[in-house]
Amino acid sequence: MQKPLRQPVASVENDSLTSAELKAEMIELQMSMAHLELTVERLDQVITRQDKDLQTMQRQLQLIYNQVENQQGENGIAPFDVMADKPPHY
């Protein structure tokens, strides 16, 4: 869950920040950046895994297509014709 963005400590009217406020702001920014880097890294891992899965499925589908084509050619199976192969209840 992403935290809502918050307004910076300094406002337009008050540009003077104490050292402690600056350090707190810097720490918060560093934590936010670390969180974003971790999120990007995780998303990259997911995309990489999904790409590998997709490539595997594409190869499997191609093998299935090849098997179906070979079976149709060997057995002399005619393609399905809607008009010629009407079920009896029509």
Protein backbone atom coordinates (compact mmCIF):
# COMPACT_ATOMS: atom_id res chain seq x y z
CA MET A 1 0.00 0.00 0.00
CA GLN A 2 1.37 3.35 -0.99
CA LYS A 3 1.45 6.16 1.51
CA PRO A 4 -0.23 9.36 0.37
CA LEU A 5 2.16 12.09 -0.64
CA ARG A 6 2.60 14.68 2.02
CA GLN A 7 3.45 18.30 1.73
CA PRO A 8 7.08 19.30 2.35
CA VAL A 9 7.94 20.66 5.77
CA ALA A 10 8.80 24.06 4.38
CA SER A 11 5.94 26.25 3.28
CA VAL A 12 6.10 29.14 0.86
CA GLU A 13 5.78 31.64 3.67
CA ASN A 14 8.34 29.97 5.97
CA ASP A 15 11.49 28.96 4.06
CA SER A 16 13.68 28.68 7.15
CA LEU A 17 14.00 25.13 8.44
CA THR A 18 15.92 24.00 11.43
CA SER A 19 18.67 21.47 11.09
CA ALA A 20 16.53 18.81 12.78
CA GLU A 21 13.66 19.43 10.35
CA LEU A 22 16.01 19.17 7.38
CA LYS A 23 17.44 15.90 8.69
CA ALA A 24 13.95 14.51 9.27
CA GLU A 25 12.91 15.51 5.76
CA MET A 26 16.07 13.97 4.28
CA ILE A 27 15.51 10.70 6.16
CA GLU A 28 11.91 10.54 4.99
CA LEU A 29 12.96 11.14 1.38
CA GLN A 30 15.64 8.46 1.62
CA MET A 31 13.15 5.97 3.05
CA SER A 32 10.66 6.78 0.31
CA MET A 33 13.33 6.34 -2.35
CA ALA A 34 14.43 3.00 -0.89
CA HIS A 35 10.82 1.82 -0.89
CA LEU A 36 10.39 2.85 -4.54
CA GLU A 37 13.64 1.13 -5.55
CA LEU A 38 12.48 -2.08 -3.87
CA THR A 39 9.11 -1.85 -5.62
CA VAL A 40 10.76 -1.36 -9.02
CA GLU A 41 13.05 -4.32 -8.38
CA ARG A 42 10.10 -6.56 -7.46
CA LEU A 43 8.13 -5.45 -10.51
CA ASP A 44 11.13 -6.18 -12.72
CA GLN A 45 11.30 -9.71 -11.31
CA VAL A 46 7.59 -10.23 -11.97
CA ILE A 47 7.89 -8.98 -15.55
CA THR A 48 10.90 -11.21 -16.18
CA ARG A 49 9.05 -14.27 -14.84
CA GLN A 50 5.94 -13.47 -16.85
CA ASP A 51 8.00 -13.05 -20.01
CA LYS A 52 9.57 -16.49 -19.52
CA ASP A 53 6.13 -18.01 -18.86
CA LEU A 54 4.72 -16.38 -21.98
CA GLN A 55 7.58 -17.67 -24.13
CA THR A 56 7.06 -21.19 -22.74
CA MET A 57 3.33 -21.06 -23.47
CA GLN A 58 3.97 -19.81 -27.01
CA ARG A 59 6.31 -22.76 -27.67
CA GLN A 60 3.75 -25.18 -26.23
CA LEU A 61 0.98 -23.72 -28.37
CA GLN A 62 3.14 -24.01 -31.48
CA LEU A 63 3.78 -27.69 -30.68
CA ILE A 64 0.04 -28.26 -30.28
CA TYR A 65 -0.64 -26.58 -33.63
CA ASN A 66 1.99 -28.77 -35.28
CA GLN A 67 0.50 -31.93 -33.75
CA VAL A 68 -3.00 -31.02 -34.90
CA GLU A 69 -1.78 -30.30 -38.43
CA ASN A 70 0.11 -33.61 -38.55
CA GLN A 71 -2.90 -35.58 -37.28
CA GLN A 72 -5.23 -33.99 -39.83
CA GLY A 73 -2.84 -34.75 -42.66
CA GLU A 74 -2.20 -38.36 -41.61
CA ASN A 75 -5.76 -39.42 -40.80
CA GLY A 76 -7.46 -37.55 -43.60
CA ILE A 77 -9.71 -35.72 -41.16
CA ALA A 78 -11.78 -33.17 -42.99
CA PRO A 79 -12.27 -29.73 -41.50
CA PHE A 80 -15.54 -29.17 -39.68
CA ASP A 81 -18.28 -27.86 -41.99
CA VAL A 82 -21.17 -26.19 -40.18
CA MET A 83 -23.72 -26.81 -42.92
CA ALA A 84 -22.76 -30.45 -43.58
CA ASP A 85 -22.35 -31.42 -39.94
CA LYS A 86 -25.59 -30.05 -38.46
CA PRO A 87 -26.70 -31.79 -35.30
CA PRO A 88 -29.91 -33.83 -35.71
CA HIS A 89 -32.01 -31.48 -33.58
CA TYR A 90 -31.81 -28.70 -36.24
